[in-house]
Protein backbone atom coordinates (compact mmCIF):
# COMPACT_ATOMS: atom_id res chain seq x y z
CA MET A 1 0.66 -0.17 -1.90
CA THR A 2 -0.69 3.53 -3.52
CA SER A 3 1.73 5.91 -2.27
CA THR A 4 2.47 9.83 -2.82
CA VAL A 5 5.42 11.59 -2.38
CA PRO A 6 6.57 15.16 -0.36
CA THR A 7 8.54 16.91 -2.76
CA ALA A 8 8.80 19.45 -0.78
CA ALA A 9 10.22 17.26 1.99
CA HIS A 10 12.72 15.16 0.00
CA ASP A 11 16.07 17.45 0.10
CA HIS A 12 15.59 19.25 3.23
CA ASP A 13 15.14 15.31 4.70
CA GLU A 14 18.51 14.42 3.39
CA GLN A 15 20.71 17.57 4.04
CA ARG A 16 19.08 17.04 7.98
CA ASP A 17 20.48 13.27 7.91
CA THR A 18 23.79 13.95 6.22
CA ALA A 19 24.20 16.64 8.67
CA GLN A 20 24.03 14.46 11.95
CA GLN A 21 25.90 11.51 12.51
CA PRO A 22 25.66 8.71 10.00
CA PRO A 23 22.91 6.25 10.83
CA GLN A 24 23.58 3.24 12.65
CA GLY A 25 20.92 1.18 10.02
CA PRO A 26 18.37 1.86 6.91
CA LEU A 27 15.46 3.60 7.85
CA THR A 28 12.96 0.69 7.31
CA MET A 29 9.00 -0.30 8.29
CA PHE A 30 9.88 -1.12 11.32
CA GLY A 31 6.27 -0.02 13.61
CA PRO A 32 6.22 2.24 15.35
CA ASP A 33 3.09 1.03 16.34
CA PHE A 34 4.49 -2.70 16.38
CA PRO A 35 8.07 -2.80 15.85
CA PHE A 36 9.01 -6.26 14.95
CA ALA A 37 11.24 -7.03 12.29
CA TYR A 38 9.57 -8.76 9.74
CA ASP A 39 12.54 -8.56 7.67
CA ASP A 40 14.99 -10.55 9.80
CA PHE A 41 11.75 -13.47 10.75
CA LEU A 42 11.76 -13.64 6.95
CA ALA A 43 15.57 -14.05 6.71
CA HIS A 44 15.99 -16.72 9.20
CA PRO A 45 17.61 -20.05 8.09
CA THR A 46 15.19 -21.94 10.54
CA GLY A 47 12.19 -20.76 8.87
CA LEU A 48 8.77 -19.29 9.93
CA GLY A 49 7.93 -22.09 12.22
CA ALA A 50 6.40 -25.63 12.16
CA VAL A 51 3.31 -27.59 12.76
CA PRO A 52 2.72 -31.50 14.16
CA PRO A 53 3.11 -33.53 11.60
CA THR A 54 -0.11 -34.88 11.99
CA GLU A 55 -1.60 -31.50 10.73
CA HIS A 56 0.66 -32.14 7.76
CA GLY A 57 -1.64 -31.82 4.87
CA THR A 58 -4.69 -29.84 6.77
CA GLU A 59 -6.71 -27.13 4.22
CA VAL A 60 -6.74 -23.96 5.20
CA ALA A 61 -8.87 -21.68 3.18
CA VAL A 62 -7.01 -18.06 2.14
CA ILE A 63 -10.05 -15.79 0.73
CA GLY A 64 -8.48 -13.02 -1.37
CA GLY A 65 -5.90 -13.66 -4.19
CA GLY A 66 -4.18 -10.49 -3.54
CA LEU A 67 -0.21 -10.12 -2.23
CA SER A 68 -1.66 -10.74 1.15
CA GLY A 69 -3.31 -13.45 0.64
CA LEU A 70 -0.87 -15.17 -1.77
CA VAL A 71 1.97 -14.59 0.61
CA ALA A 72 0.32 -16.02 3.83
CA ALA A 73 -1.10 -19.10 1.60
CA TYR A 74 2.92 -19.39 0.00
CA GLU A 75 4.30 -19.65 3.70
CA LEU A 76 1.51 -21.69 5.01
CA MET A 77 2.40 -24.26 1.82
CA LYS A 78 5.94 -24.21 3.07
CA MET A 79 4.69 -25.49 6.83
CA GLY A 80 2.95 -28.62 4.83
CA LEU A 81 -0.62 -27.52 5.33
CA LYS A 82 -2.65 -26.99 2.05
CA PRO A 83 -3.73 -23.43 1.02
CA VAL A 84 -7.36 -23.31 -0.81
CA VAL A 85 -7.42 -19.94 -2.02
CA HIS A 86 -10.61 -18.24 -3.10
CA GLU A 87 -10.56 -15.17 -5.19
CA ALA A 88 -13.42 -12.99 -6.86
CA ASP A 89 -11.23 -11.65 -9.63
CA GLN A 90 -7.83 -11.93 -11.28
CA LEU A 91 -4.79 -13.26 -8.54
CA GLY A 92 -2.76 -9.76 -7.63
CA GLY A 93 -5.76 -7.76 -6.08
CA ARG A 94 -4.52 -3.79 -6.32
CA LEU A 95 -1.18 -5.10 -7.82
CA ARG A 96 -2.53 -4.90 -11.22
CA THR A 97 -0.77 -4.76 -14.23
CA ALA A 98 -2.98 -4.20 -17.46
CA THR A 99 -2.24 -3.89 -21.60
CA PHE A 100 -3.83 -1.54 -23.77
CA ASP A 101 -6.43 -2.66 -26.42
CA GLY A 102 -5.24 -1.26 -30.23
CA GLY A 103 -1.98 -0.42 -28.39
CA ASP A 104 1.48 -2.01 -28.41
CA PRO A 105 1.10 -4.86 -25.96
CA SER A 106 4.27 -4.32 -24.73
CA LEU A 107 3.22 -1.49 -22.93
CA ARG A 108 1.43 -1.46 -19.10
CA ALA A 109 -0.53 0.13 -17.30
CA GLU A 110 -0.80 0.19 -13.43
CA MET A 111 -3.76 0.38 -12.19
CA GLY A 112 -3.24 -0.04 -8.72
CA ALA A 113 0.33 -0.29 -6.75
CA MET A 114 2.58 1.68 -8.99
CA ARG A 115 5.75 2.56 -6.74
CA PHE A 116 7.78 1.49 -3.61
CA PRO A 117 10.04 2.77 -1.37
CA PRO A 118 13.36 0.63 -0.60
CA SER A 119 11.92 0.58 3.35
CA SER A 120 9.45 -1.85 2.47
CA THR A 121 12.02 -4.66 3.41
CA ALA A 122 10.03 -7.89 3.93
CA PHE A 123 7.99 -6.71 0.41
CA GLN A 124 11.22 -6.51 -0.70
CA HIS A 125 11.96 -10.61 0.35
CA TYR A 126 9.87 -11.51 -2.10
CA ILE A 127 10.67 -9.44 -4.86
CA ASP A 128 14.22 -10.65 -4.41
CA LEU A 129 13.03 -14.21 -3.83
CA MET A 130 10.84 -14.13 -7.14
CA GLY A 131 13.94 -13.06 -9.46
CA LEU A 132 12.16 -9.38 -9.78
CA GLU A 133 14.00 -6.23 -10.74
CA THR A 134 13.01 -2.72 -9.47
CA GLU A 135 13.58 0.75 -11.59
CA PRO A 136 13.47 4.41 -9.80
CA PHE A 137 10.17 5.88 -10.52
CA PRO A 138 9.51 8.85 -11.56
CA ASN A 139 8.01 10.82 -9.03
CA PRO A 140 8.07 14.84 -9.16
CA LEU A 141 11.17 16.09 -8.54
CA ALA A 142 13.17 12.49 -8.00
CA PRO A 143 17.05 12.41 -9.50
CA ASP A 144 15.62 10.25 -11.82
CA THR A 145 12.41 12.14 -13.48
CA PRO A 146 13.99 14.55 -15.92
CA SER A 147 11.73 17.66 -15.29
CA THR A 148 8.77 18.48 -13.31
CA VAL A 149 5.62 21.04 -13.94
CA VAL A 150 4.54 22.58 -10.43
CA ASP A 151 0.64 23.98 -11.82
CA LEU A 152 -0.86 26.22 -9.27
CA LYS A 153 -3.86 28.79 -9.66
CA GLY A 154 -3.12 28.96 -13.74
CA GLU A 155 0.60 29.87 -13.07
CA PRO A 156 3.48 26.73 -14.21
CA HIS A 157 7.09 26.46 -12.81
CA TYR A 158 9.23 24.31 -14.35
CA ALA A 159 11.81 22.59 -12.38
CA ARG A 160 15.00 20.00 -12.03
CA THR A 161 14.74 19.98 -8.61
CA LEU A 162 13.85 21.63 -5.66
CA GLU A 163 15.63 24.75 -5.99
CA ASP A 164 14.16 26.00 -9.44
CA LEU A 165 11.25 26.39 -7.47
CA PRO A 166 10.18 30.04 -6.18
CA PRO A 167 10.75 30.70 -2.60
CA VAL A 168 7.33 30.34 -1.63
CA TYR A 169 7.78 26.68 -2.36
CA HIS A 170 11.06 26.84 -0.16
CA GLN A 171 9.07 28.23 2.88
CA VAL A 172 6.05 25.10 2.82
CA MET A 173 9.51 22.89 2.96
CA GLU A 174 10.87 24.28 6.07
CA ALA A 175 7.36 25.06 7.36
CA TRP A 176 6.36 20.90 6.69
CA ASN A 177 9.91 20.05 8.69
CA ALA A 178 9.37 22.60 11.58
CA CYS A 179 6.10 20.95 11.84
CA LEU A 180 7.09 17.58 12.24
CA GLU A 181 10.12 18.24 14.30
CA GLU A 182 8.39 20.13 16.73
CA GLY A 183 4.59 17.90 17.29
CA ALA A 184 5.92 14.72 16.60
CA ASP A 185 9.75 14.41 17.27
CA PHE A 186 10.34 13.43 13.67
CA SER A 187 14.68 12.97 13.97
CA ALA A 188 14.40 11.71 16.98
CA MET A 189 11.77 8.59 15.92
CA GLN A 190 13.33 8.03 12.25
CA GLU A 191 16.61 7.32 14.75
CA ALA A 192 15.33 5.14 16.93
CA ILE A 193 13.66 3.35 14.14
CA ARG A 194 17.21 3.05 11.84
CA GLU A 195 18.67 1.76 15.46
CA ARG A 196 15.90 -0.25 15.81
CA ASP A 197 15.28 0.94 19.61
CA VAL A 198 12.19 -0.44 20.37
CA PRO A 199 11.59 0.86 23.51
CA ARG A 200 12.67 4.44 22.27
CA ILE A 201 10.13 4.09 19.42
CA ARG A 202 7.80 3.11 22.15
CA GLY A 203 8.29 5.37 24.32
CA ILE A 204 8.19 8.16 21.52
CA TRP A 205 4.71 6.70 19.76
CA SER A 206 2.86 6.32 23.05
CA ARG A 207 2.92 9.74 23.80
CA LEU A 208 1.76 10.79 20.25
CA VAL A 209 -0.99 8.37 19.99
CA GLU A 210 -2.56 9.59 23.94
CA LYS A 211 -1.56 13.12 22.45
CA LEU A 212 -2.57 13.70 18.83
CA ASP A 213 -5.61 10.39 18.14
CA ASN A 214 -8.23 12.33 17.70
CA GLN A 215 -6.24 14.95 15.50
CA THR A 216 -6.97 15.18 11.92
CA PHE A 217 -3.98 16.35 9.43
CA TYR A 218 -5.14 19.37 8.64
CA GLY A 219 -5.58 20.15 12.52
CA PHE A 220 -1.72 18.93 12.89
CA LEU A 221 -0.75 21.61 10.72
CA CYS A 222 -3.14 24.35 12.29
CA ASP A 223 -1.56 23.76 15.04
CA SER A 224 1.63 24.19 14.57
CA ALA A 225 3.30 28.17 13.81
CA ALA A 226 5.52 26.48 11.12
CA PHE A 227 2.19 26.62 9.64
CA SER A 228 0.52 29.47 10.53
CA SER A 229 -0.03 31.10 6.83
CA PHE A 230 -3.14 29.73 4.84
CA ARG A 231 -1.67 30.31 1.61
CA HIS A 232 1.25 27.93 2.60
CA ARG A 233 -1.25 25.24 4.06
CA GLU A 234 -2.98 25.40 0.35
CA ILE A 235 -0.12 25.29 -1.48
CA PHE A 236 0.91 22.13 0.54
CA GLY A 237 -2.67 20.76 0.07
CA GLN A 238 -2.23 21.28 -3.74
CA VAL A 239 0.64 20.55 -5.33
CA GLY A 240 3.43 19.49 -1.72
CA PHE A 241 2.76 15.67 -1.70
CA GLY A 242 2.39 13.49 -4.83
CA THR A 243 -0.41 13.46 -7.28
CA GLY A 244 -2.82 15.88 -5.93
CA GLY A 245 -1.07 17.30 -2.82
CA TRP A 246 -1.93 16.35 0.69
CA ASP A 247 -5.63 17.87 0.73
CA THR A 248 -7.53 14.40 0.34
CA ASP A 249 -5.39 13.40 3.26
CA PHE A 250 -6.24 16.61 5.45
CA PRO A 251 -9.63 14.87 7.49
CA ASN A 252 -7.58 11.88 8.07
CA SER A 253 -5.91 10.89 11.25
CA ILE A 254 -2.23 13.07 11.44
CA LEU A 255 -1.30 9.47 12.67
CA GLU A 256 -1.80 7.89 9.91
CA ILE A 257 0.51 10.21 7.91
CA LEU A 258 3.16 10.20 10.76
CA ARG A 259 3.33 6.52 9.74
CA VAL A 260 4.37 7.16 6.32
CA VAL A 261 6.86 10.06 6.90
CA TYR A 262 8.46 8.37 9.92
CA THR A 263 9.11 5.32 7.97
CA GLY A 264 10.24 6.60 4.65
CA ALA A 265 7.45 5.27 2.65
CA ASP A 266 6.97 8.31 0.83
CA ASP A 267 10.80 8.32 0.07
CA ASP A 268 12.89 7.04 -3.23
CA HIS A 269 10.35 5.05 -4.89
CA ARG A 270 10.91 2.25 -7.12
CA GLY A 271 8.82 0.24 -9.73
CA ILE A 272 8.80 -2.85 -10.92
CA VAL A 273 10.27 -3.95 -14.59
CA GLY A 274 7.57 -5.78 -16.33
CA GLY A 275 4.48 -4.94 -14.17
CA CYS A 276 3.74 -5.50 -10.10
CA GLN A 277 1.15 -8.03 -10.44
CA GLN A 278 4.51 -10.52 -11.37
CA LEU A 279 5.03 -10.30 -7.58
CA PRO A 280 1.69 -12.20 -7.24
CA LEU A 281 1.33 -14.34 -10.14
CA ARG A 282 5.04 -15.63 -9.60
CA LEU A 283 3.91 -16.91 -6.36
CA TRP A 284 1.56 -18.68 -7.26
CA GLU A 285 3.79 -20.43 -9.58
CA HIS A 286 6.77 -20.79 -7.44
CA GLN A 287 8.26 -24.15 -6.03
CA PRO A 288 10.11 -23.33 -2.88
CA ASP A 289 13.25 -25.12 -2.14
CA LYS A 290 12.75 -25.92 1.17
CA LEU A 291 9.04 -27.04 2.01
CA VAL A 292 7.58 -29.81 4.33
CA HIS A 293 5.45 -32.68 3.37
CA TRP A 294 4.71 -31.68 0.08
CA PRO A 295 7.76 -33.29 -2.89
CA GLN A 296 9.92 -31.18 -4.41
CA GLY A 297 8.19 -29.03 -7.27
CA THR A 298 4.77 -28.32 -5.32
CA SER A 299 3.60 -25.04 -6.08
CA LEU A 300 0.44 -23.31 -5.25
CA SER A 301 -0.70 -23.48 -8.41
CA SER A 302 -0.06 -27.30 -8.47
CA LEU A 303 -2.11 -27.62 -4.99
CA HIS A 304 -5.24 -26.64 -6.80
CA PRO A 305 -7.12 -28.76 -9.31
CA GLY A 306 -6.12 -27.54 -12.97
CA GLY A 307 -3.95 -24.81 -11.61
CA ALA A 308 -6.94 -22.83 -10.67
CA HIS A 309 -7.68 -20.46 -7.52
CA ARG A 310 -11.32 -21.25 -6.30
CA PRO A 311 -14.25 -18.47 -6.90
CA ALA A 312 -15.85 -15.51 -4.96
CA VAL A 313 -16.48 -16.69 -1.61
CA THR A 314 -20.49 -15.84 -0.80
CA ARG A 315 -21.00 -17.08 2.46
CA LEU A 316 -18.84 -17.49 5.73
CA HIS A 317 -20.54 -19.16 8.79
CA ARG A 318 -19.13 -21.03 12.36
CA THR A 319 -20.30 -24.27 12.29
CA ALA A 320 -19.92 -27.10 15.51
CA GLY A 321 -16.45 -27.69 16.50
CA ASN A 322 -15.28 -23.59 16.39
CA ARG A 323 -14.95 -24.75 12.49
CA VAL A 324 -15.37 -22.27 9.52
CA THR A 325 -17.57 -22.82 6.66
CA VAL A 326 -17.08 -21.43 3.20
CA THR A 327 -19.63 -21.60 0.50
CA ASP A 328 -18.18 -19.97 -2.73
CA ALA A 329 -19.88 -19.05 -5.68
CA ASP A 330 -19.99 -22.69 -7.75
CA GLY A 331 -21.99 -23.66 -4.50
CA ASP A 332 -18.89 -26.12 -3.25
CA ILE A 333 -19.11 -25.46 0.44
CA ARG A 334 -16.22 -26.88 2.80
CA THR A 335 -15.15 -26.35 6.25
CA TYR A 336 -11.85 -25.43 7.83
CA ARG A 337 -10.28 -25.26 11.54
CA ALA A 338 -8.52 -22.18 10.22
CA ALA A 339 -9.40 -19.19 7.22
CA VAL A 340 -7.49 -16.39 6.83
CA PHE A 341 -9.36 -13.41 5.41
CA THR A 342 -7.34 -11.00 3.38
CA ALA A 343 -10.26 -9.21 0.56
CA GLN A 344 -11.00 -5.55 1.76
CA SER A 345 -13.04 -5.85 5.08
CA TRP A 346 -15.64 -4.00 3.73
CA LEU A 347 -17.09 -7.28 2.00
CA LEU A 348 -17.91 -9.26 5.19
CA LEU A 349 -20.55 -6.80 5.39
CA SER A 350 -21.70 -6.35 1.75
CA ARG A 351 -21.14 -9.52 -1.32
CA ILE A 352 -20.47 -11.66 1.34
CA ASP A 353 -23.44 -13.78 4.08
CA CYS A 354 -21.84 -13.47 7.12
CA ASP A 355 -22.59 -14.97 10.47
CA ASP A 356 -22.49 -12.70 13.42
CA ALA A 357 -20.44 -15.40 15.16
CA LEU A 358 -17.51 -15.02 13.21
CA LEU A 359 -16.05 -11.86 14.76
CA PRO A 360 -16.16 -10.76 18.47
CA ILE A 361 -19.03 -7.71 18.50
CA ASP A 362 -15.88 -5.26 18.95
CA HIS A 363 -14.10 -6.49 15.78
CA TRP A 364 -17.26 -6.23 14.01
CA THR A 365 -17.37 -2.16 14.85
CA ALA A 366 -13.85 -2.09 13.91
CA VAL A 367 -14.92 -3.50 10.36
CA GLU A 368 -18.03 -1.23 9.91
CA ARG A 369 -16.12 1.95 11.41
CA THR A 370 -13.20 1.80 8.19
CA HIS A 371 -12.99 4.36 6.30
CA TYR A 372 -11.95 4.02 2.85
CA MET A 373 -10.19 6.74 0.24
CA GLU A 374 -11.05 6.86 -3.39
CA SER A 375 -9.00 6.82 -6.37
CA SER A 376 -8.79 6.82 -10.00
CA LYS A 377 -6.27 6.36 -12.63
CA LEU A 378 -6.47 7.18 -16.40
CA PHE A 379 -3.69 5.95 -18.90
CA VAL A 380 -2.83 6.49 -22.59
CA PRO A 381 -0.37 4.53 -24.78
CA VAL A 382 1.73 6.87 -26.82
CA ASP A 383 3.95 6.21 -29.70
CA ARG A 384 7.06 7.46 -28.24
CA PRO A 385 8.18 9.60 -25.15
CA PHE A 386 7.86 12.98 -27.24
CA TRP A 387 8.08 15.32 -23.75
CA LEU A 388 11.70 14.31 -23.77
CA ASP A 389 11.79 16.77 -27.12
CA LYS A 390 13.28 20.53 -27.02
CA ASP A 391 11.32 23.64 -26.79
CA PRO A 392 13.57 25.40 -28.83
CA GLU A 393 12.85 28.86 -27.22
CA THR A 394 13.67 27.75 -24.26
CA GLY A 395 15.93 24.47 -24.32
CA ARG A 396 12.84 22.50 -21.79
CA ASP A 397 11.42 19.46 -22.25
CA THR A 398 8.20 19.77 -24.39
CA MET A 399 6.44 18.07 -21.14
CA SER A 400 7.12 17.07 -17.74
CA MET A 401 5.64 14.82 -14.78
CA THR A 402 3.12 17.83 -13.68
CA LEU A 403 1.44 18.85 -10.42
CA THR A 404 -1.69 20.94 -10.83
CA ASP A 405 -4.68 21.74 -9.05
CA ARG A 406 -6.53 21.25 -12.72
CA MET A 407 -8.66 18.20 -12.71
CA THR A 408 -6.12 15.92 -13.95
CA ARG A 409 -3.72 16.39 -10.61
CA GLY A 410 -1.26 14.52 -11.15
CA THR A 411 0.44 13.60 -14.54
CA TYR A 412 3.03 10.62 -14.94
CA LEU A 413 5.53 10.51 -17.91
CA LEU A 414 6.75 6.23 -18.27
CA ASP A 415 9.06 5.27 -21.16
CA ASP A 416 11.75 2.50 -21.76
CA GLY A 417 13.99 4.39 -23.36
CA PRO A 418 13.57 7.56 -26.47
CA ASP A 419 12.56 5.40 -29.72
CA LYS A 420 10.15 3.33 -28.22
CA PRO A 421 6.27 3.24 -27.53
CA ALA A 422 5.70 4.83 -24.29
CA VAL A 423 2.58 5.42 -21.49
CA ILE A 424 1.14 8.43 -20.02
CA CYS A 425 -0.74 8.42 -16.83
CA LEU A 426 -2.84 11.27 -17.85
CA SER A 427 -4.55 11.81 -14.19
CA TYR A 428 -4.16 10.11 -11.12
CA THR A 429 -6.68 11.61 -8.20
CA TRP A 430 -7.77 10.86 -4.84
CA CYS A 431 -11.14 11.29 -3.16
CA ASP A 432 -13.54 14.25 -3.64
CA ASP A 433 -11.35 14.61 -7.58
CA SER A 434 -11.89 10.93 -7.79
CA LEU A 435 -15.75 11.13 -7.44
CA LYS A 436 -15.40 14.24 -9.89
CA TRP A 437 -14.82 12.10 -12.87
CA LEU A 438 -16.63 8.65 -11.39
CA PRO A 439 -19.89 8.50 -13.93
CA LEU A 440 -17.18 9.54 -16.77
CA ASP A 441 -16.52 6.18 -18.98
CA ALA A 442 -12.84 6.11 -20.39
CA GLU A 443 -13.37 7.97 -23.43
CA GLU A 444 -15.25 10.76 -21.46
CA ARG A 445 -12.49 11.16 -18.82
CA MET A 446 -9.44 11.16 -21.61
CA GLU A 447 -11.16 13.95 -23.25
CA VAL A 448 -11.35 16.06 -20.15
CA MET A 449 -8.12 15.41 -18.96
CA LEU A 450 -6.49 16.17 -21.91
CA LYS A 451 -8.33 19.85 -21.70
CA SER A 452 -6.44 20.35 -18.80
CA LEU A 453 -3.26 19.36 -19.68
CA GLY A 454 -3.87 21.27 -22.69
CA GLU A 455 -4.07 24.62 -20.83
CA ILE A 456 -0.41 23.56 -19.28
CA TYR A 457 0.82 22.94 -22.75
CA PRO A 458 -0.75 24.86 -24.93
CA GLY A 459 1.76 24.02 -27.72
CA VAL A 460 1.77 20.29 -27.63
CA ASP A 461 -0.46 18.25 -29.11
CA ILE A 462 -0.75 14.96 -27.27
CA ARG A 463 -3.48 13.29 -29.15
CA LYS A 464 -1.67 12.96 -32.06
CA HIS A 465 0.77 10.88 -30.47
CA ILE A 466 -2.09 8.31 -28.91
CA THR A 467 -1.85 4.83 -30.32
CA GLY A 468 -4.18 2.97 -28.52
CA ASN A 469 -7.83 3.35 -26.47
CA PRO A 470 -7.34 4.54 -22.68
CA LEU A 471 -7.32 2.51 -19.75
CA THR A 472 -9.42 3.85 -16.63
CA VAL A 473 -10.15 2.92 -13.43
CA SER A 474 -11.71 3.84 -10.14
CA TRP A 475 -11.39 1.62 -7.16
CA GLU A 476 -14.27 2.89 -5.29
CA ASP A 477 -16.17 1.38 -8.18
CA GLU A 478 -14.48 -2.10 -8.35
CA PRO A 479 -17.24 -4.35 -6.86
CA TYR A 480 -14.83 -6.21 -5.11
CA PHE A 481 -12.87 -3.76 -3.60
CA LEU A 482 -15.44 -0.67 -2.85
CA GLY A 483 -12.52 1.92 -2.54
CA ALA A 484 -8.71 1.75 -2.55
CA PHE A 485 -7.31 1.97 0.09
CA LYS A 486 -7.89 2.54 4.03
CA ALA A 487 -7.30 5.27 5.91
CA ASN A 488 -8.13 6.03 9.88
CA LEU A 489 -9.80 8.87 10.86
CA PRO A 490 -9.38 11.02 13.78
CA GLY A 491 -10.10 8.99 16.73
CA HIS A 492 -9.92 5.32 14.92
CA TYR A 493 -6.54 3.82 16.76
CA ARG A 494 -8.82 1.75 18.84
CA TYR A 495 -10.76 0.35 15.93
CA GLN A 496 -7.68 -0.45 13.94
CA ARG A 497 -5.55 -2.01 17.14
CA ARG A 498 -8.57 -4.61 17.59
CA LEU A 499 -8.13 -5.42 13.77
CA PHE A 500 -4.33 -5.80 13.52
CA THR A 501 -4.33 -7.08 17.17
CA HIS A 502 -6.68 -10.33 15.50
CA PHE A 503 -4.62 -12.83 14.69
CA MET A 504 -3.95 -13.04 18.86
CA GLN A 505 -6.59 -15.50 19.79
CA GLU A 506 -6.27 -16.59 22.84
CA THR A 507 -8.12 -14.37 24.49
CA LEU A 508 -10.79 -14.33 22.05
CA PRO A 509 -13.74 -15.96 23.16
CA ALA A 510 -13.14 -19.94 21.96
CA ASP A 511 -16.03 -19.83 19.75
CA ARG A 512 -14.72 -16.98 17.31
CA ARG A 513 -11.15 -18.43 16.70
CA GLY A 514 -10.15 -19.66 13.74
CA LEU A 515 -10.60 -17.28 11.31
CA PHE A 516 -7.59 -14.71 11.12
CA LEU A 517 -8.19 -11.53 9.33
CA ALA A 518 -5.14 -9.91 7.01
CA GLY A 519 -4.43 -7.91 4.30
CA ASP A 520 -3.25 -3.95 4.58
CA ASP A 521 -6.11 -2.58 5.37
CA ILE A 522 -5.48 -4.28 8.50
CA SER A 523 -2.01 -3.23 8.98
CA TRP A 524 -1.12 0.04 10.40
CA THR A 525 0.20 1.46 6.93
CA ALA A 526 -3.38 0.64 4.65
CA GLY A 527 -2.33 1.41 0.98
CA TRP A 528 0.90 0.04 1.34
CA ALA A 529 2.25 -3.31 0.28
CA GLU A 530 4.76 -3.80 3.07
CA GLY A 531 1.46 -3.85 5.12
CA ALA A 532 -0.09 -6.59 3.03
CA VAL A 533 3.16 -8.69 3.88
CA GLN A 534 3.29 -8.20 7.17
CA THR A 535 -0.04 -8.91 7.97
CA ALA A 536 -0.14 -12.36 6.64
CA LEU A 537 2.95 -13.05 8.54
CA ASN A 538 0.73 -12.29 11.20
CA ALA A 539 -2.07 -14.41 9.95
CA VAL A 540 0.59 -17.29 9.52
CA TRP A 541 1.62 -17.21 12.71
CA GLY A 542 -1.85 -17.58 14.18
CA VAL A 543 -2.98 -20.85 11.96
CA MET A 544 -0.01 -22.22 12.84
CA HIS A 545 -0.50 -21.08 16.61
CA GLN A 546 -4.08 -22.45 15.96
CA LEU A 547 -2.58 -26.04 14.58
CA GLY A 548 -0.57 -26.66 17.38
CA GLY A 549 2.39 -25.38 15.63
CA THR A 550 5.72 -23.08 17.43
CA THR A 551 8.31 -21.44 15.75
CA ASP A 552 11.84 -21.86 16.38
CA PRO A 553 13.10 -20.49 19.49
CA ALA A 554 16.05 -19.13 17.10
CA ASN A 555 13.22 -17.06 14.81
CA PRO A 556 10.44 -16.09 17.40
CA GLY A 557 7.36 -15.03 15.41
CA PRO A 558 5.08 -11.83 15.76
CA GLY A 559 2.85 -13.78 18.64
CA ASP A 560 5.36 -14.91 20.20
CA VAL A 561 6.97 -11.58 21.51
CA PHE A 562 3.60 -9.69 20.85
CA GLU A 563 3.44 -8.54 25.31
CA GLU A 564 7.15 -6.71 24.70
CA ILE A 565 6.07 -4.73 21.71
CA GLU A 566 2.26 -4.72 21.57
CA PRO A 567 0.58 -1.74 19.78
CA VAL A 568 -0.14 1.26 22.74
CA ARG A 569 -4.00 0.36 24.81
CA LEU A 570 -5.56 3.68 24.82
CA PRO A 571 -8.62 3.75 27.40
CA GLU A 572 -11.79 2.32 26.27
CA ASP A 573 -13.67 3.91 28.94
């Protein structure tokens, strides 16, 4: 969902791809941990499966109204089940689009996810289904970004393409590509993913998981002869990757990073025209053409009294008959044979009173070991995209998309044309950089960021163009999120495997079944909308199976082929 872009790797990857034999297919988020074709599963004319007619109308609790919860609810509704959606805040989760107090009402700020890779093909299915349009996102050095400034240690570099940057940045690019090739079979894995060659993907990935599960991202770099230079590692960490460089990910497992770069999740990002929150809101109101049991014109909204979702869940516990009983903030108590939990997993430890019997103990351990990344943003509305004005002395843009080691870290310039009001994301930060200004309110944060940008662009008066109050978010301070997204630490592969495979419940004790975990932090690609969709579809299969349903033999689901493509098993002893 939230994402970062390796500015040093883009052009080299393209040159490498075109120099080789043309690829067999597009690069998609197909594996590597669980190479199941979710896009083909969704596109198949037979649908995702069916439950027995006796189960039609059965209520299923869906806890969390973000993308994963609404995808799960939407598909369960199409099967003839009755999802009951609980959401503590607003529909959309981290697909949150906000407007400015005092600013132009047409301007929007993407407080969570704001850019999505074309390789997110299951996610794209729902974008297309809801009739939404996308447009290129102005990432650093992207083709549609007018210009980029890389400001490091007080020295700014203006660039329209990678070729405009000093030689040291090219050296960093080459080091990163060599590191990936030598240490992670990069080209071979990408070729296997393009061809959807499952045995080859599993063979490469199995070796790497066993070898690298205990390795940090930074340790992986240090082990590469290509990255023997501390200076190169420092540059790569500070400005080589998105808004604040790779360094915020340096303590995380290298496996997390490989999943991103293998599948092209860091490339060619696009934004949703009109704001990404439209997707969950449209899913809530959408009336499917093909659905079972319910009359034409049925939507998730129409299945909820007054078109409103249920409030926050305050208690979850098991009751006789292996049922899941849900208590919500209104005091309403309902019992279900199946429930899907898509909210941030830490809420099971804090804001929701949970029965230990909800999950097996090993799964509770995995939830407790979850590691979330902090992330903050600050937006301001402006009268026009003044940054496109040319400096009369240099001929350069007045201001550019900016990567820096100063407090702002990443600044994005967002506009719909030269004569229209626009938006600046003054700062996009992660982890320690976000925590540095957590106690500051929006106005105080704005002052810090304007000062930092004033040092990079001393002749530019940003303040005179601001037309409304700033908007800010710190996801670690959001009461129903407690962090931006999950990022596994070294040694966490086994925990992630337990959470991802939770939808396969036949091996669980009978009294631990019926509650299905989903959401991007359950996926192998936390922070990406594709992971939210994929785990939602896993949970849909799990609920269907729990209620005695099956898929069409022509379109087997993730649980039907699980044994053939299951994630790597590492020894527990």
